[in-house]
Protein backbone atom coordinates (compact mmCIF):
# COMPACT_ATOMS: atom_id res chain seq x y z
CA MET A 1 -24.91 19.36 -6.49
CA LYS A 2 -25.53 15.65 -6.24
CA PRO A 3 -24.01 14.20 -3.00
CA ASN A 4 -22.75 11.20 -4.90
CA VAL A 5 -20.12 13.29 -6.75
CA VAL A 6 -18.43 14.09 -3.42
CA LEU A 7 -18.41 10.37 -2.50
CA ARG A 8 -17.00 9.47 -5.83
CA LEU A 9 -14.08 11.90 -5.44
CA ILE A 10 -13.51 10.51 -2.06
CA LEU A 11 -13.52 6.83 -3.41
CA LYS A 12 -11.38 7.87 -6.27
CA ASP A 13 -8.72 9.12 -3.79
CA TRP A 14 -8.85 6.05 -1.70
CA ARG A 15 -8.36 3.85 -4.96
CA LEU A 16 -5.48 5.96 -5.96
CA GLN A 17 -3.68 6.13 -2.66
CA ARG A 18 -4.19 2.38 -1.29
CA ARG A 19 -0.65 1.58 -2.03
CA VAL A 20 0.59 4.33 0.32
CA ILE A 21 -1.89 3.23 3.11
CA ILE A 22 -0.94 -0.55 2.86
CA LEU A 23 2.85 0.32 2.63
CA SER A 24 2.63 2.48 5.81
CA ILE A 25 0.79 -0.28 7.71
CA ALA A 26 3.10 -3.01 6.51
CA ALA A 27 6.07 -0.80 7.53
CA GLY A 28 4.80 -0.17 11.02
CA ALA A 29 3.81 -3.88 11.44
CA ILE A 30 7.56 -4.91 10.68
CA ALA A 31 8.57 -2.33 13.17
CA LEU A 32 6.43 -3.67 15.85
CA ALA A 33 7.40 -7.23 15.07
CA THR A 34 10.97 -6.21 15.69
CA LEU A 35 10.03 -5.67 19.46
CA LEU A 36 9.20 -9.30 19.61
CA MET A 37 13.04 -9.96 19.45
CA ARG A 38 13.22 -8.26 22.82
CA GLY A 39 16.35 -6.63 24.04
CA GLN A 40 17.22 -3.12 24.21
CA THR A 41 18.44 -2.64 20.71
CA PRO A 42 15.32 -4.35 18.87
CA VAL A 43 13.02 -2.25 20.98
CA VAL A 44 14.83 1.01 20.16
CA ILE A 45 14.99 0.07 16.54
CA GLY A 46 11.42 -1.12 16.24
CA ALA A 47 10.11 2.07 18.20
CA VAL A 48 11.91 4.34 15.87
CA PHE A 49 10.75 2.77 12.65
CA PHE A 50 7.34 2.50 14.08
CA PHE A 51 7.16 6.32 14.35
CA ILE A 52 8.97 6.63 11.07
CA SER A 53 6.23 4.71 9.25
CA ILE A 54 3.62 7.01 10.66
CA ILE A 55 5.58 10.12 9.95
CA PHE A 56 6.17 8.88 6.27
CA CYS A 57 2.37 8.44 5.81
CA ALA A 58 1.71 11.66 7.35
CA CYS A 59 4.09 13.49 4.85
CA LEU A 60 3.42 11.44 1.66
CA LEU A 61 -0.44 11.30 1.55
CA PRO A 62 -0.98 15.17 1.33
CA ILE A 63 1.68 15.46 -1.26
CA THR A 64 0.31 12.52 -3.52
CA ASN A 65 -3.22 13.18 -2.85
CA ILE A 66 -3.48 16.98 -3.25
CA VAL A 67 -0.31 18.39 -4.85
CA ASN A 68 -0.04 15.65 -7.46
CA GLU A 69 -3.56 16.10 -8.63
CA ARG A 70 -2.59 19.63 -9.55
CA LYS A 71 0.66 18.62 -11.24
CA LYS A 72 -0.91 15.95 -13.16
CA GLN A 73 -3.48 18.49 -14.48
CA THR A 74 -6.49 16.58 -13.37
CA LEU A 75 -7.98 19.33 -11.29
CA PRO A 76 -9.51 21.23 -14.21
CA PHE A 77 -11.36 18.20 -15.17
CA LEU A 78 -12.60 17.68 -11.56
CA MET A 79 -13.83 21.27 -11.22
CA SER A 80 -15.86 20.73 -14.50
CA LEU A 81 -17.97 18.30 -12.48
CA PRO A 82 -21.15 19.61 -10.66
CA ILE A 83 -19.28 20.40 -7.52
CA SER A 84 -18.71 23.72 -5.71
CA SER A 85 -15.20 24.84 -4.67
CA SER A 86 -16.05 24.49 -0.93
CA ARG A 87 -17.42 21.05 -1.43
CA TYR A 88 -14.38 19.99 -3.37
CA GLY A 89 -12.02 21.19 -0.52
CA ALA A 90 -14.33 19.33 2.00
CA ALA A 91 -14.25 16.16 -0.14
CA LYS A 92 -10.38 16.37 -0.45
CA LEU A 93 -9.94 17.15 3.29
CA LEU A 94 -12.17 14.18 4.20
CA SER A 95 -10.63 11.68 1.98
CA THR A 96 -7.04 12.68 2.93
CA PHE A 97 -7.92 12.75 6.76
CA GLY A 98 -9.68 9.49 6.44
CA MET A 99 -6.90 7.81 4.63
CA PHE A 100 -4.33 8.76 7.29
CA LEU A 101 -6.69 7.78 9.97
CA VAL A 102 -6.73 4.08 8.82
CA PRO A 103 -3.04 3.30 9.15
CA TRP A 104 -2.63 5.68 12.18
CA LEU A 105 -5.38 3.95 14.16
CA THR A 106 -4.33 0.44 13.09
CA LEU A 107 -0.69 0.98 14.01
CA VAL A 108 -1.52 2.69 17.17
CA VAL A 109 -4.04 -0.16 18.30
CA ALA A 110 -1.20 -2.66 17.23
CA ALA A 111 1.19 -0.88 19.41
CA LEU A 112 -1.26 -0.94 22.55
CA TYR A 113 -1.61 -4.66 21.88
CA MET A 114 2.21 -5.22 22.02
CA ILE A 115 2.27 -3.53 25.17
CA VAL A 116 -0.98 -4.72 27.03
CA GLY A 117 -1.28 -8.15 25.31
CA ARG A 118 2.27 -9.26 24.62
CA HIS A 119 4.09 -7.29 27.48
CA ILE A 120 6.75 -6.31 25.40
CA LEU A 121 7.04 -2.83 27.08
CA PRO A 122 5.78 -1.90 30.56
CA ASN A 123 2.31 -0.63 30.78
CA GLY A 124 3.76 2.77 31.92
CA THR A 125 4.83 3.47 28.49
CA ILE A 126 1.13 3.75 27.09
CA PRO A 127 0.67 7.52 27.96
CA THR A 128 4.02 8.34 26.45
CA MET A 129 3.26 6.26 23.34
CA LEU A 130 -0.05 8.02 22.71
CA ILE A 131 1.32 11.36 23.11
CA LEU A 132 4.13 10.69 20.74
CA ALA A 133 1.73 9.01 18.19
CA ASN A 134 -0.33 12.21 18.22
CA LEU A 135 2.51 14.37 17.04
CA PRO A 136 2.65 12.85 13.54
CA PHE A 137 -1.20 13.27 13.62
CA ILE A 138 -0.91 16.99 14.34
CA GLY A 139 2.06 17.26 11.70
CA PHE A 140 -0.14 15.55 9.20
CA CYS A 141 -3.15 18.07 9.73
CA LEU A 142 -0.61 20.89 9.41
CA ILE A 143 0.74 19.71 6.17
CA THR A 144 -2.76 18.87 4.76
CA GLY A 145 -4.14 22.19 5.81
CA THR A 146 -1.09 24.13 4.31
CA THR A 147 -1.09 22.02 0.96
CA LEU A 148 -4.99 22.34 0.50
CA VAL A 149 -5.23 26.10 1.10
CA ALA A 150 -1.78 27.01 -0.63
CA GLU A 151 -2.19 24.64 -3.52
CA SER A 152 1.55 25.01 -4.02
CA GLU A 153 4.17 22.41 -4.20
CA GLY A 154 6.64 24.87 -2.52
CA TRP A 155 4.37 25.64 0.50
CA ALA A 156 3.74 21.90 0.79
CA ASN A 157 7.40 20.98 0.96
CA ALA A 158 8.05 24.00 3.32
CA ALA A 159 5.34 22.46 5.44
CA VAL A 160 7.00 19.05 5.45
CA ALA A 161 10.25 20.37 6.30
CA VAL A 162 9.09 22.51 9.24
CA VAL A 163 6.90 19.72 10.58
CA ASN A 164 9.76 17.09 10.21
CA SER A 165 12.42 19.13 11.74
CA SER A 166 10.19 20.10 14.80
CA TYR A 167 9.68 16.53 16.09
CA TRP A 168 12.96 16.30 17.88
CA LEU A 169 12.32 19.61 19.57
CA VAL A 170 8.83 18.62 20.84
CA TRP A 171 10.18 15.21 22.02
CA TYR A 172 12.94 17.01 23.94
CA LEU A 173 10.57 19.47 25.49
CA LEU A 174 8.12 16.66 26.65
CA VAL A 175 10.92 14.66 28.30
CA SER A 176 12.56 17.64 29.96
CA HIS A 177 9.40 19.62 31.18
CA VAL A 178 6.91 16.73 31.87
CA PRO A 179 8.67 14.61 34.56
CA SER A 180 5.75 12.38 35.02
CA LEU A 181 6.46 10.69 31.67
CA THR A 182 9.98 9.62 32.31
CA ARG A 183 9.17 8.93 36.07
CA ASN A 184 6.31 6.56 35.16
CA TRP A 185 6.95 4.86 31.92
CA ALA A 186 8.93 2.11 33.30
CA GLY A 187 6.18 1.21 35.80
CA PRO A 188 3.68 -1.72 35.47
CA VAL A 189 0.59 0.45 35.57
CA ALA A 190 -0.22 3.42 33.07
CA VAL A 191 -0.41 6.69 35.10
CA TRP A 192 -2.72 9.33 33.72
CA SER A 193 -1.37 12.27 35.45
CA PRO A 194 -2.91 15.72 35.19
CA GLU A 195 -0.09 16.87 32.74
CA VAL A 196 -0.51 13.64 30.49
CA VAL A 197 -4.20 14.35 30.22
CA ARG A 198 -3.81 18.11 29.61
CA ILE A 199 -1.28 17.29 26.83
CA LEU A 200 -3.67 14.94 25.15
CA VAL A 201 -6.61 17.13 25.48
CA VAL A 202 -4.48 19.89 23.85
CA GLN A 203 -3.23 17.79 21.24
CA PHE A 204 -6.73 16.81 20.04
CA ALA A 205 -7.94 20.37 20.40
CA ILE A 206 -4.96 21.48 18.06
CA VAL A 207 -6.24 18.78 15.43
CA LEU A 208 -9.68 20.13 15.62
CA LEU A 209 -8.56 23.64 15.27
CA ILE A 210 -6.43 22.99 12.31
CA LEU A 211 -9.28 21.08 10.48
CA ALA A 212 -11.73 23.90 11.29
CA LEU A 213 -9.34 26.61 9.98
CA THR A 214 -8.62 24.61 6.82
CA LEU A 215 -12.29 24.23 5.99
CA TYR A 216 -12.95 27.98 6.76
CA ALA A 217 -10.08 29.06 4.48
CA GLN A 218 -10.99 26.77 1.82
CA SER A 219 -14.54 27.92 1.88
CA ARG A 220 -13.34 31.64 1.47
CA LYS A 221 -11.45 30.93 -1.70
CA ARG A 222 -13.08 31.69 -5.10
CA ASN A 223 -10.72 30.37 -7.68
CA PHE A 224 -9.17 26.86 -7.80
CA ILE A 225 -7.77 26.72 -11.26
């Protein structure tokens, strides 16, 4: 199999989904711009819609890039190309993951700039912001893995529903069981307590585990049509 076939599939996905990426970045940028108005209400509204823009991208990309490819009956044509099923799965996972990483990293860096560069929020909020920003990252990986392995719109919608309904619970558990977050987020310095470091390490370990399990499950499949 020629490597450029995988590259062409990835570039094809990026070309088709560029509007979702641009829309997510634009929505997040508008939300962060709201913080410049200062005051409690603009900060709350801006922070909420900042995370909503990331969650929106985390839900929409797997659906449009994986499920819609099957619904529009383009998958049989793609599988007629000189590409194995495992390579197809790897290409689809890489393209979807990469497309989400662009708006996620862009918005996280922009949020850090608003805190460190513009001093809209205290530096103590940085650990909390990073932990909360990783939650949609994990949710995206769960939705993408489920969608790619199950190849079913029903399973994809179920994954979206489960992930989206769990954010509030995770946020509540973090606030109620990690006192260092609430104790330090109004401080002038970011405090990297052992609990914060442990949470961040666990979050990235979960991301890697989901990606590895997705690739393994995809490689074990024999039929894609």
